[in-house]
């Protein structure tokens, strides 16, 4: 695969996602050269707990995204509980309490679709473990806009339904095991570092 100069990573996870996030994000260096924007389906009352937990074990900074916050590299942004997270054309965030999508708020599709409009071919989309179909339409949107579509191998997922739905809907460029996803992200990071 030719490594392009990607600009951002979006990822979505549901059931089993906390373990996957920990596995992927602890592998990233403090100076990882792209922003990582994540939706993990959580209970509406789970205020900031996941960001705190991940920040304790990750080199890269992990935080909840804030309204109008500029998106910067070397940070992981998590959608706050009970808010949809959107990427605006000026590369800032907005948060909404619009209706649930795929029974979820935050919804992966909402993040993926808005990020695809902003980053186009510069976006990497990852659909990870989960027990529903959220993220499938959004990943297709990323692929249609020229971005890189990746799905966790369902055989490695705690809940394979979400990766399977994404494979059917998006026909992703890659279906990868967790360690292969990590290796690819690090390869993209090193490629960017060499170009600076």
N, C-alpha and C. Protein backbone atom coordinates (compact mmCIF):
# COMPACT_ATOMS: atom_id res chain seq x y z
N UNK A 1 0.84 -1.20 0.00
CA UNK A 1 0.00 0.00 0.00
C UNK A 1 0.88 1.25 0.00
N UNK A 2 0.59 2.18 -0.87
CA UNK A 2 1.30 3.46 -0.89
C UNK A 2 0.85 4.29 0.30
N UNK A 3 1.82 4.82 1.05
CA UNK A 3 1.49 5.66 2.20
C UNK A 3 1.32 7.10 1.72
N UNK A 4 0.12 7.63 1.95
CA UNK A 4 -0.16 9.03 1.59
C UNK A 4 0.10 9.92 2.79
N UNK A 5 0.05 11.21 2.57
CA UNK A 5 0.23 12.14 3.66
C UNK A 5 -1.12 12.38 4.34
N UNK A 6 -1.55 11.42 5.12
CA UNK A 6 -2.85 11.53 5.80
C UNK A 6 -2.82 12.61 6.86
N UNK A 7 -4.01 13.13 7.19
CA UNK A 7 -4.09 14.28 8.09
C UNK A 7 -4.82 14.00 9.40
N UNK A 8 -5.64 12.94 9.44
CA UNK A 8 -6.40 12.65 10.67
C UNK A 8 -6.88 11.20 10.65
N UNK A 9 -7.11 10.68 11.85
CA UNK A 9 -7.67 9.34 12.03
C UNK A 9 -8.97 9.47 12.81
N UNK A 10 -10.02 8.83 12.30
CA UNK A 10 -11.25 8.70 13.08
C UNK A 10 -11.50 7.22 13.33
N UNK A 11 -11.99 6.92 14.52
CA UNK A 11 -12.28 5.52 14.79
C UNK A 11 -13.53 5.40 15.63
N UNK A 12 -14.18 4.26 15.48
CA UNK A 12 -15.41 4.00 16.22
C UNK A 12 -15.41 2.61 16.80
N UNK A 13 -15.89 2.50 18.04
CA UNK A 13 -15.96 1.21 18.72
C UNK A 13 -17.18 1.18 19.61
N UNK A 14 -17.64 -0.03 19.87
CA UNK A 14 -18.75 -0.22 20.79
C UNK A 14 -18.36 -1.32 21.78
N UNK A 15 -19.12 -2.39 21.87
CA UNK A 15 -18.83 -3.45 22.84
C UNK A 15 -17.42 -4.01 22.63
N UNK A 16 -16.63 -4.04 23.69
CA UNK A 16 -15.24 -4.51 23.59
C UNK A 16 -14.26 -3.43 23.18
N UNK A 17 -14.76 -2.23 22.95
CA UNK A 17 -13.92 -1.16 22.41
C UNK A 17 -12.91 -0.59 23.39
N UNK A 18 -13.22 -0.62 24.67
CA UNK A 18 -12.28 -0.03 25.64
C UNK A 18 -10.95 -0.77 25.60
N UNK A 19 -11.00 -2.10 25.50
CA UNK A 19 -9.76 -2.88 25.42
C UNK A 19 -9.02 -2.57 24.12
N UNK A 20 -9.77 -2.43 23.01
CA UNK A 20 -9.14 -2.12 21.73
C UNK A 20 -8.50 -0.73 21.74
N UNK A 21 -9.21 0.24 22.30
CA UNK A 21 -8.65 1.59 22.39
C UNK A 21 -7.36 1.58 23.19
N UNK A 22 -7.38 0.88 24.30
CA UNK A 22 -6.18 0.81 25.14
C UNK A 22 -5.03 0.19 24.35
N UNK A 23 -5.30 -0.89 23.65
CA UNK A 23 -4.27 -1.58 22.88
C UNK A 23 -3.69 -0.68 21.79
N UNK A 24 -4.56 0.00 21.04
CA UNK A 24 -4.08 0.84 19.94
C UNK A 24 -3.39 2.10 20.44
N UNK A 25 -4.01 2.76 21.39
CA UNK A 25 -3.51 4.08 21.79
C UNK A 25 -2.24 4.01 22.63
N UNK A 26 -2.06 2.94 23.40
CA UNK A 26 -0.81 2.82 24.17
C UNK A 26 0.39 2.59 23.25
N UNK A 27 0.15 2.18 22.02
CA UNK A 27 1.24 1.97 21.06
C UNK A 27 1.68 3.26 20.38
N UNK A 28 0.89 4.32 20.50
CA UNK A 28 1.21 5.57 19.79
C UNK A 28 2.18 6.43 20.61
N UNK A 29 3.18 7.03 19.94
CA UNK A 29 4.12 7.89 20.66
C UNK A 29 3.49 9.23 21.03
N UNK A 30 4.12 9.89 21.97
CA UNK A 30 3.64 11.19 22.44
C UNK A 30 3.50 12.20 21.30
N UNK A 31 4.40 12.11 20.30
CA UNK A 31 4.41 13.07 19.19
C UNK A 31 3.72 12.52 17.94
N UNK A 32 2.79 11.58 18.10
CA UNK A 32 2.10 11.01 16.94
C UNK A 32 1.59 12.14 16.05
N UNK A 33 1.89 12.05 14.76
CA UNK A 33 1.77 13.22 13.89
C UNK A 33 0.38 13.50 13.32
N UNK A 34 -0.63 12.77 13.77
CA UNK A 34 -2.00 13.04 13.35
C UNK A 34 -2.89 13.15 14.59
N UNK A 35 -4.00 13.87 14.47
CA UNK A 35 -5.01 13.78 15.52
C UNK A 35 -5.78 12.47 15.38
N UNK A 36 -6.19 11.89 16.49
CA UNK A 36 -7.03 10.69 16.51
C UNK A 36 -8.35 11.09 17.17
N UNK A 37 -9.45 10.90 16.48
CA UNK A 37 -10.76 11.31 16.98
C UNK A 37 -11.62 10.06 17.10
N UNK A 38 -12.13 9.81 18.30
CA UNK A 38 -12.75 8.51 18.57
C UNK A 38 -14.15 8.65 19.16
N UNK A 39 -15.03 7.76 18.72
CA UNK A 39 -16.32 7.54 19.36
C UNK A 39 -16.30 6.13 19.95
N UNK A 40 -16.49 6.07 21.27
CA UNK A 40 -16.71 4.80 21.96
C UNK A 40 -18.11 4.89 22.56
N UNK A 41 -18.98 3.98 22.18
CA UNK A 41 -20.32 3.98 22.78
C UNK A 41 -20.19 3.77 24.29
N UNK A 42 -20.76 4.70 25.05
CA UNK A 42 -20.70 4.63 26.51
C UNK A 42 -22.06 4.96 27.10
N UNK A 43 -22.20 4.70 28.38
CA UNK A 43 -23.42 5.10 29.08
C UNK A 43 -23.49 6.62 29.13
N UNK A 44 -24.73 7.19 29.07
CA UNK A 44 -24.86 8.66 29.08
C UNK A 44 -24.25 9.33 30.30
N UNK A 45 -24.04 8.57 31.37
CA UNK A 45 -23.52 9.16 32.61
C UNK A 45 -22.01 9.02 32.76
N UNK A 46 -21.34 8.42 31.77
CA UNK A 46 -19.89 8.13 31.90
C UNK A 46 -19.07 9.37 31.60
N UNK A 47 -19.06 10.32 32.52
CA UNK A 47 -18.43 11.62 32.26
C UNK A 47 -16.91 11.57 32.44
N UNK A 48 -16.19 11.58 31.35
CA UNK A 48 -14.74 11.74 31.40
C UNK A 48 -13.95 10.54 31.89
N UNK A 49 -14.61 9.47 32.28
CA UNK A 49 -13.91 8.33 32.90
C UNK A 49 -12.95 7.66 31.93
N UNK A 50 -13.38 7.49 30.68
CA UNK A 50 -12.53 6.79 29.71
C UNK A 50 -11.28 7.60 29.39
N UNK A 51 -11.44 8.91 29.20
CA UNK A 51 -10.28 9.76 28.92
C UNK A 51 -9.28 9.70 30.08
N UNK A 52 -9.77 9.74 31.30
CA UNK A 52 -8.89 9.67 32.48
C UNK A 52 -8.14 8.36 32.51
N UNK A 53 -8.86 7.28 32.30
CA UNK A 53 -8.25 5.95 32.32
C UNK A 53 -7.16 5.83 31.26
N UNK A 54 -7.46 6.25 30.02
CA UNK A 54 -6.50 6.14 28.93
C UNK A 54 -5.30 7.06 29.13
N UNK A 55 -5.54 8.23 29.69
CA UNK A 55 -4.45 9.18 29.91
C UNK A 55 -3.41 8.63 30.88
N UNK A 56 -3.84 7.76 31.79
CA UNK A 56 -2.92 7.17 32.75
C UNK A 56 -1.95 6.18 32.10
N UNK A 57 -2.37 5.57 30.98
CA UNK A 57 -1.56 4.49 30.39
C UNK A 57 -0.97 4.84 29.03
N UNK A 58 -1.36 5.97 28.44
CA UNK A 58 -0.90 6.35 27.10
C UNK A 58 0.17 7.43 27.17
N UNK A 59 1.12 7.37 26.24
CA UNK A 59 2.08 8.47 26.08
C UNK A 59 1.40 9.68 25.44
N UNK A 60 0.58 9.41 24.41
CA UNK A 60 -0.12 10.48 23.71
C UNK A 60 -1.22 11.04 24.62
N UNK A 61 -1.46 12.33 24.53
CA UNK A 61 -2.49 12.96 25.36
C UNK A 61 -3.89 12.54 24.91
N UNK A 62 -4.72 12.16 25.86
CA UNK A 62 -6.10 11.77 25.59
C UNK A 62 -7.02 12.72 26.35
N UNK A 63 -8.01 13.27 25.64
CA UNK A 63 -8.95 14.19 26.29
C UNK A 63 -10.32 14.11 25.63
N UNK A 64 -11.32 14.57 26.33
CA UNK A 64 -12.64 14.71 25.70
C UNK A 64 -12.64 15.95 24.83
N UNK A 65 -13.28 15.85 23.67
CA UNK A 65 -13.37 16.99 22.75
C UNK A 65 -14.30 18.06 23.32
N UNK A 66 -13.96 19.31 23.07
CA UNK A 66 -14.78 20.44 23.51
C UNK A 66 -15.33 21.21 22.31
N UNK A 67 -16.45 21.83 22.50
CA UNK A 67 -17.07 22.69 21.49
C UNK A 67 -16.09 23.73 20.99
N UNK A 68 -15.97 23.85 19.66
CA UNK A 68 -15.13 24.86 18.97
C UNK A 68 -13.63 24.66 19.18
N UNK A 69 -13.22 23.53 19.76
CA UNK A 69 -11.81 23.27 19.98
C UNK A 69 -11.11 22.97 18.65
N UNK A 70 -9.97 23.61 18.36
CA UNK A 70 -9.22 23.29 17.15
C UNK A 70 -8.63 21.88 17.24
N UNK A 71 -8.64 21.17 16.12
CA UNK A 71 -8.13 19.80 16.08
C UNK A 71 -6.64 19.84 15.78
N UNK A 72 -5.84 19.25 16.66
CA UNK A 72 -4.39 19.32 16.53
C UNK A 72 -3.77 17.93 16.55
N UNK A 73 -2.61 17.76 15.91
CA UNK A 73 -1.93 16.46 15.96
C UNK A 73 -1.44 16.15 17.37
N UNK A 74 -1.01 14.90 17.57
CA UNK A 74 -0.46 14.44 18.84
C UNK A 74 -1.48 14.50 19.97
N UNK A 75 -2.74 14.36 19.62
CA UNK A 75 -3.81 14.30 20.63
C UNK A 75 -4.85 13.27 20.21
N UNK A 76 -5.43 12.63 21.22
CA UNK A 76 -6.59 11.76 21.01
C UNK A 76 -7.79 12.47 21.59
N UNK A 77 -8.82 12.67 20.78
CA UNK A 77 -10.05 13.32 21.21
C UNK A 77 -11.16 12.28 21.30
N UNK A 78 -11.83 12.22 22.44
CA UNK A 78 -12.95 11.30 22.62
C UNK A 78 -14.25 12.08 22.61
N UNK A 79 -15.27 11.50 21.99
CA UNK A 79 -16.61 12.12 22.04
C UNK A 79 -17.13 12.04 23.47
N UNK A 80 -17.60 13.17 24.02
CA UNK A 80 -18.17 13.12 25.38
C UNK A 80 -19.44 12.26 25.40
N UNK A 81 -19.71 11.68 26.55
CA UNK A 81 -20.92 10.87 26.71
C UNK A 81 -22.16 11.70 26.39
N UNK A 82 -23.07 11.09 25.64
CA UNK A 82 -24.39 11.66 25.34
C UNK A 82 -24.37 12.85 24.38
N UNK A 83 -23.25 13.06 23.68
CA UNK A 83 -23.16 14.11 22.66
C UNK A 83 -22.66 13.52 21.35
N UNK A 84 -23.27 13.91 20.23
CA UNK A 84 -22.67 13.63 18.94
C UNK A 84 -21.47 14.55 18.76
N UNK A 85 -20.40 14.02 18.19
CA UNK A 85 -19.19 14.79 17.93
C UNK A 85 -19.06 14.99 16.42
N UNK A 86 -19.01 16.26 16.00
CA UNK A 86 -18.92 16.60 14.58
C UNK A 86 -17.62 17.35 14.30
N UNK A 87 -17.06 17.14 13.13
CA UNK A 87 -15.90 17.90 12.66
C UNK A 87 -16.41 18.98 11.71
N UNK A 88 -16.07 20.23 12.01
CA UNK A 88 -16.51 21.36 11.19
C UNK A 88 -15.51 21.62 10.06
N UNK A 89 -15.94 22.32 9.00
CA UNK A 89 -15.03 22.60 7.86
C UNK A 89 -13.77 23.36 8.26
N UNK A 90 -13.82 24.16 9.35
CA UNK A 90 -12.62 24.88 9.79
C UNK A 90 -11.74 24.05 10.72
N UNK A 91 -12.02 22.73 10.78
CA UNK A 91 -11.24 21.79 11.59
C UNK A 91 -11.30 22.10 13.08
N UNK A 92 -12.50 22.40 13.50
CA UNK A 92 -12.81 22.47 14.93
C UNK A 92 -13.94 21.47 15.18
N UNK A 93 -14.26 21.28 16.47
CA UNK A 93 -15.35 20.37 16.83
C UNK A 93 -16.63 21.12 17.12
N UNK A 94 -17.75 20.45 16.91
CA UNK A 94 -19.00 20.89 17.50
C UNK A 94 -19.67 19.68 18.14
N UNK A 95 -20.45 19.95 19.17
CA UNK A 95 -21.16 18.92 19.92
C UNK A 95 -22.65 19.17 19.81
N UNK A 96 -23.43 18.11 19.59
CA UNK A 96 -24.89 18.29 19.53
C UNK A 96 -25.57 17.19 20.35
N UNK A 97 -26.80 17.50 20.74
CA UNK A 97 -27.65 16.49 21.40
C UNK A 97 -28.81 16.12 20.47
N UNK A 98 -28.55 16.13 19.17
CA UNK A 98 -29.56 15.69 18.20
C UNK A 98 -29.96 14.25 18.48
N UNK A 99 -31.02 13.82 17.78
CA UNK A 99 -31.54 12.46 17.99
C UNK A 99 -30.44 11.41 17.85
N UNK A 100 -30.64 10.30 18.54
CA UNK A 100 -29.70 9.18 18.43
C UNK A 100 -29.67 8.66 16.99
N UNK A 101 -28.52 8.17 16.58
CA UNK A 101 -28.34 7.55 15.27
C UNK A 101 -27.88 6.12 15.55
N UNK A 102 -28.55 5.14 14.93
CA UNK A 102 -28.24 3.73 15.24
C UNK A 102 -28.34 3.47 16.75
N UNK A 103 -29.32 4.09 17.38
CA UNK A 103 -29.58 3.95 18.82
C UNK A 103 -28.46 4.52 19.68
N UNK A 104 -27.56 5.30 19.10
CA UNK A 104 -26.39 5.75 19.85
C UNK A 104 -26.23 7.27 19.78
N UNK A 105 -25.78 7.83 20.89
CA UNK A 105 -25.31 9.22 20.94
C UNK A 105 -24.21 9.25 22.01
N UNK A 106 -22.96 9.37 21.62
CA UNK A 106 -22.44 9.73 20.30
C UNK A 106 -22.57 8.59 19.29
N UNK A 107 -22.74 8.96 18.02
CA UNK A 107 -22.82 7.98 16.94
C UNK A 107 -21.55 8.06 16.09
N UNK A 108 -21.05 6.89 15.72
CA UNK A 108 -19.85 6.82 14.88
C UNK A 108 -20.12 7.42 13.50
N UNK A 109 -21.29 7.10 12.93
CA UNK A 109 -21.61 7.61 11.58
C UNK A 109 -21.55 9.13 11.52
N UNK A 110 -22.04 9.80 12.55
CA UNK A 110 -22.06 11.27 12.57
C UNK A 110 -20.62 11.81 12.50
N UNK A 111 -19.74 11.27 13.33
CA UNK A 111 -18.34 11.69 13.29
C UNK A 111 -17.71 11.40 11.94
N UNK A 112 -17.87 10.17 11.45
CA UNK A 112 -17.21 9.77 10.21
C UNK A 112 -17.67 10.63 9.03
N UNK A 113 -18.97 10.87 8.93
CA UNK A 113 -19.50 11.61 7.78
C UNK A 113 -19.02 13.05 7.78
N UNK A 114 -19.02 13.70 8.94
CA UNK A 114 -18.57 15.11 9.00
C UNK A 114 -17.06 15.20 8.80
N UNK A 115 -16.30 14.25 9.34
CA UNK A 115 -14.84 14.26 9.14
C UNK A 115 -14.49 14.01 7.68
N UNK A 116 -15.24 13.14 7.02
CA UNK A 116 -14.98 12.86 5.60
C UNK A 116 -15.19 14.10 4.75
N UNK A 117 -16.19 14.91 5.08
CA UNK A 117 -16.43 16.14 4.33
C UNK A 117 -15.29 17.14 4.51
N UNK A 118 -14.68 17.13 5.69
CA UNK A 118 -13.61 18.09 5.99
C UNK A 118 -12.26 17.63 5.48
N UNK A 119 -11.92 16.35 5.70
CA UNK A 119 -10.57 15.87 5.39
C UNK A 119 -10.46 15.16 4.04
N UNK A 120 -11.57 14.68 3.49
CA UNK A 120 -11.54 14.01 2.19
C UNK A 120 -10.53 12.88 2.15
N UNK A 121 -9.64 12.93 1.16
CA UNK A 121 -8.65 11.86 0.96
C UNK A 121 -7.59 11.83 2.05
N UNK A 122 -7.57 12.83 2.91
CA UNK A 122 -6.60 12.87 4.00
C UNK A 122 -7.05 12.15 5.26
N UNK A 123 -8.16 11.44 5.19
CA UNK A 123 -8.74 10.82 6.39
C UNK A 123 -8.56 9.31 6.39
N UNK A 124 -8.26 8.78 7.57
CA UNK A 124 -8.24 7.33 7.80
C UNK A 124 -9.42 7.01 8.72
N UNK A 125 -10.27 6.07 8.32
CA UNK A 125 -11.39 5.64 9.14
C UNK A 125 -11.22 4.21 9.60
N UNK A 126 -11.44 3.98 10.90
CA UNK A 126 -11.31 2.64 11.48
C UNK A 126 -12.60 2.24 12.17
N UNK A 127 -13.17 1.10 11.79
CA UNK A 127 -14.30 0.54 12.52
C UNK A 127 -13.80 -0.66 13.31
N UNK A 128 -14.00 -0.60 14.62
CA UNK A 128 -13.52 -1.65 15.51
C UNK A 128 -14.69 -2.47 16.04
N UNK A 129 -14.42 -3.27 17.04
CA UNK A 129 -15.39 -4.18 17.63
C UNK A 129 -16.69 -3.49 18.06
N UNK A 130 -17.80 -4.20 17.95
CA UNK A 130 -19.09 -3.66 18.37
C UNK A 130 -20.23 -4.57 17.97
N UNK A 131 -21.36 -4.38 18.65
CA UNK A 131 -22.49 -5.31 18.48
C UNK A 131 -23.63 -4.73 17.66
N UNK A 132 -23.38 -3.64 16.91
CA UNK A 132 -24.45 -3.10 16.05
C UNK A 132 -23.87 -2.75 14.68
N UNK A 133 -24.50 -1.84 13.96
CA UNK A 133 -23.99 -1.49 12.62
C UNK A 133 -23.52 -0.04 12.52
N UNK A 134 -23.39 0.65 13.65
CA UNK A 134 -22.93 2.03 13.62
C UNK A 134 -21.51 2.08 13.02
N UNK A 135 -21.28 3.06 12.16
CA UNK A 135 -19.98 3.21 11.52
C UNK A 135 -19.92 2.67 10.11
N UNK A 136 -20.84 1.77 9.75
CA UNK A 136 -20.79 1.16 8.41
C UNK A 136 -21.05 2.21 7.33
N UNK A 137 -22.12 2.98 7.48
CA UNK A 137 -22.43 4.03 6.49
C UNK A 137 -21.35 5.11 6.48
N UNK A 138 -20.88 5.47 7.66
CA UNK A 138 -19.86 6.50 7.75
C UNK A 138 -18.55 6.09 7.11
N UNK A 139 -18.18 4.82 7.27
CA UNK A 139 -16.95 4.34 6.65
C UNK A 139 -17.08 4.34 5.12
N UNK A 140 -18.27 3.99 4.65
CA UNK A 140 -18.52 4.05 3.20
C UNK A 140 -18.34 5.50 2.70
N UNK A 141 -18.81 6.44 3.49
CA UNK A 141 -18.70 7.86 3.15
C UNK A 141 -17.22 8.27 3.08
N UNK A 142 -16.43 7.81 4.04
CA UNK A 142 -14.99 8.10 4.04
C UNK A 142 -14.35 7.56 2.76
N UNK A 143 -14.68 6.32 2.43
CA UNK A 143 -14.11 5.70 1.23
C UNK A 143 -14.55 6.45 -0.04
N UNK A 144 -15.82 6.83 -0.10
CA UNK A 144 -16.33 7.56 -1.26
C UNK A 144 -15.65 8.91 -1.44
N UNK A 145 -15.17 9.51 -0.34
CA UNK A 145 -14.49 10.81 -0.41
C UNK A 145 -12.98 10.65 -0.60
N UNK A 146 -12.53 9.42 -0.82
CA UNK A 146 -11.12 9.19 -1.12
C UNK A 146 -10.26 8.81 0.06
N UNK A 147 -10.86 8.71 1.25
CA UNK A 147 -10.10 8.35 2.44
C UNK A 147 -9.81 6.86 2.51
N UNK A 148 -9.01 6.47 3.49
CA UNK A 148 -8.60 5.08 3.69
C UNK A 148 -9.56 4.41 4.68
N UNK A 149 -10.22 3.34 4.25
CA UNK A 149 -11.21 2.64 5.07
C UNK A 149 -10.62 1.33 5.60
N UNK A 150 -10.60 1.20 6.92
CA UNK A 150 -10.02 0.02 7.58
C UNK A 150 -11.03 -0.54 8.58
N UNK A 151 -11.12 -1.86 8.63
CA UNK A 151 -12.01 -2.53 9.58
C UNK A 151 -11.21 -3.57 10.35
N UNK A 152 -11.48 -3.65 11.64
CA UNK A 152 -10.88 -4.71 12.45
C UNK A 152 -11.38 -6.07 11.96
N UNK A 153 -10.49 -7.01 11.83
CA UNK A 153 -10.86 -8.37 11.44
C UNK A 153 -11.91 -8.90 12.43
N UNK A 154 -13.12 -9.24 11.95
CA UNK A 154 -14.17 -9.71 12.88
C UNK A 154 -13.73 -10.89 13.74
N UNK A 155 -12.82 -11.71 13.23
CA UNK A 155 -12.34 -12.88 14.00
C UNK A 155 -11.57 -12.46 15.25
N UNK A 156 -11.10 -11.20 15.29
CA UNK A 156 -10.34 -10.72 16.44
C UNK A 156 -11.17 -9.82 17.35
N UNK A 157 -12.43 -9.60 17.00
CA UNK A 157 -13.28 -8.63 17.72
C UNK A 157 -14.06 -9.31 18.85
N UNK A 158 -14.19 -8.63 19.98
CA UNK A 158 -15.02 -9.12 21.08
C UNK A 158 -16.47 -9.25 20.63
N UNK A 159 -16.90 -8.32 19.76
CA UNK A 159 -18.24 -8.36 19.15
C UNK A 159 -18.06 -8.13 17.65
N UNK A 160 -18.26 -9.16 16.81
CA UNK A 160 -17.94 -9.03 15.39
C UNK A 160 -19.00 -8.35 14.53
N UNK A 161 -20.19 -8.05 15.07
CA UNK A 161 -21.28 -7.54 14.23
C UNK A 161 -20.93 -6.22 13.56
N UNK A 162 -20.31 -5.30 14.29
CA UNK A 162 -20.02 -3.98 13.73
C UNK A 162 -18.96 -4.06 12.63
N UNK A 163 -17.85 -4.78 12.86
CA UNK A 163 -16.91 -4.94 11.73
C UNK A 163 -17.54 -5.63 10.52
N UNK A 164 -18.36 -6.64 10.75
CA UNK A 164 -18.99 -7.33 9.62
C UNK A 164 -19.89 -6.39 8.83
N UNK A 165 -20.68 -5.58 9.54
CA UNK A 165 -21.57 -4.62 8.87
C UNK A 165 -20.76 -3.62 8.05
N UNK A 166 -19.62 -3.17 8.60
CA UNK A 166 -18.76 -2.21 7.88
C UNK A 166 -18.13 -2.84 6.64
N UNK A 167 -17.75 -4.10 6.73
CA UNK A 167 -17.17 -4.80 5.58
C UNK A 167 -18.21 -4.90 4.45
N UNK A 168 -19.43 -5.25 4.81
CA UNK A 168 -20.50 -5.37 3.81
C UNK A 168 -20.83 -4.03 3.17
N UNK A 169 -20.93 -2.99 3.99
CA UNK A 169 -21.38 -1.67 3.49
C UNK A 169 -20.29 -0.92 2.76
N UNK A 170 -19.04 -1.02 3.25
CA UNK A 170 -17.98 -0.14 2.76
C UNK A 170 -16.97 -0.83 1.84
N UNK A 171 -16.92 -2.16 1.88
CA UNK A 171 -15.85 -2.86 1.15
C UNK A 171 -14.51 -2.16 1.39
N UNK A 172 -14.04 -2.24 2.64
CA UNK A 172 -12.87 -1.43 3.04
C UNK A 172 -11.60 -1.82 2.29
N UNK A 173 -10.63 -0.90 2.32
CA UNK A 173 -9.34 -1.17 1.69
C UNK A 173 -8.58 -2.27 2.43
N UNK A 174 -8.74 -2.31 3.76
CA UNK A 174 -8.02 -3.28 4.57
C UNK A 174 -8.92 -3.83 5.67
N UNK A 175 -8.79 -5.15 5.95
CA UNK A 175 -9.39 -5.79 7.13
C UNK A 175 -8.21 -6.33 7.92
N UNK A 176 -7.97 -5.78 9.11
CA UNK A 176 -6.72 -6.02 9.82
C UNK A 176 -6.93 -6.47 11.26
N UNK A 177 -6.02 -7.28 11.74
CA UNK A 177 -5.96 -7.62 13.17
C UNK A 177 -5.45 -6.40 13.93
N UNK A 178 -5.71 -6.33 15.25
CA UNK A 178 -5.30 -5.14 16.02
C UNK A 178 -3.83 -4.77 15.87
N UNK A 179 -2.93 -5.75 15.93
CA UNK A 179 -1.50 -5.42 15.83
C UNK A 179 -1.14 -4.90 14.44
N UNK A 180 -1.89 -5.31 13.42
CA UNK A 180 -1.66 -4.79 12.06
C UNK A 180 -2.15 -3.34 11.94
N UNK A 181 -3.25 -3.02 12.62
CA UNK A 181 -3.75 -1.64 12.64
C UNK A 181 -2.70 -0.73 13.28
N UNK A 182 -2.18 -1.16 14.43
CA UNK A 182 -1.15 -0.38 15.13
C UNK A 182 0.07 -0.19 14.24
N UNK A 183 0.52 -1.25 13.60
CA UNK A 183 1.70 -1.17 12.73
C UNK A 183 1.48 -0.18 11.59
N UNK A 184 0.27 -0.19 11.02
CA UNK A 184 -0.03 0.73 9.92
C UNK A 184 -0.03 2.18 10.39
N UNK A 185 -0.62 2.44 11.54
CA UNK A 185 -0.64 3.81 12.08
C UNK A 185 0.78 4.31 12.34
N UNK A 186 1.62 3.45 12.87
CA UNK A 186 3.01 3.84 13.13
C UNK A 186 3.78 4.06 11.83
N UNK A 187 3.49 3.25 10.82
CA UNK A 187 4.12 3.43 9.51
C UNK A 187 3.74 4.79 8.91
N UNK A 188 2.47 5.16 9.03
CA UNK A 188 2.00 6.45 8.52
C UNK A 188 2.66 7.59 9.29
N UNK A 189 2.78 7.43 10.61
CA UNK A 189 3.45 8.44 11.45
C UNK A 189 4.90 8.63 11.00
N UNK A 190 5.63 7.53 10.82
CA UNK A 190 7.05 7.63 10.43
C UNK A 190 7.19 8.24 9.04
N UNK A 191 6.26 7.92 8.14
CA UNK A 191 6.27 8.51 6.81
C UNK A 191 6.12 10.02 6.89
N UNK A 192 5.22 10.48 7.74
CA UNK A 192 5.02 11.93 7.91
C UNK A 192 6.27 12.57 8.52
N UNK A 193 6.87 11.90 9.50
CA UNK A 193 8.06 12.45 10.15
C UNK A 193 9.20 12.63 9.14
N UNK A 194 9.33 11.66 8.24
CA UNK A 194 10.40 11.73 7.23
C UNK A 194 10.21 12.88 6.26
N UNK A 195 8.94 13.26 6.05
CA UNK A 195 8.64 14.34 5.08
C UNK A 195 8.81 15.73 5.66
N UNK A 196 8.93 15.81 6.98
CA UNK A 196 9.03 17.14 7.63
C UNK A 196 10.44 17.69 7.43
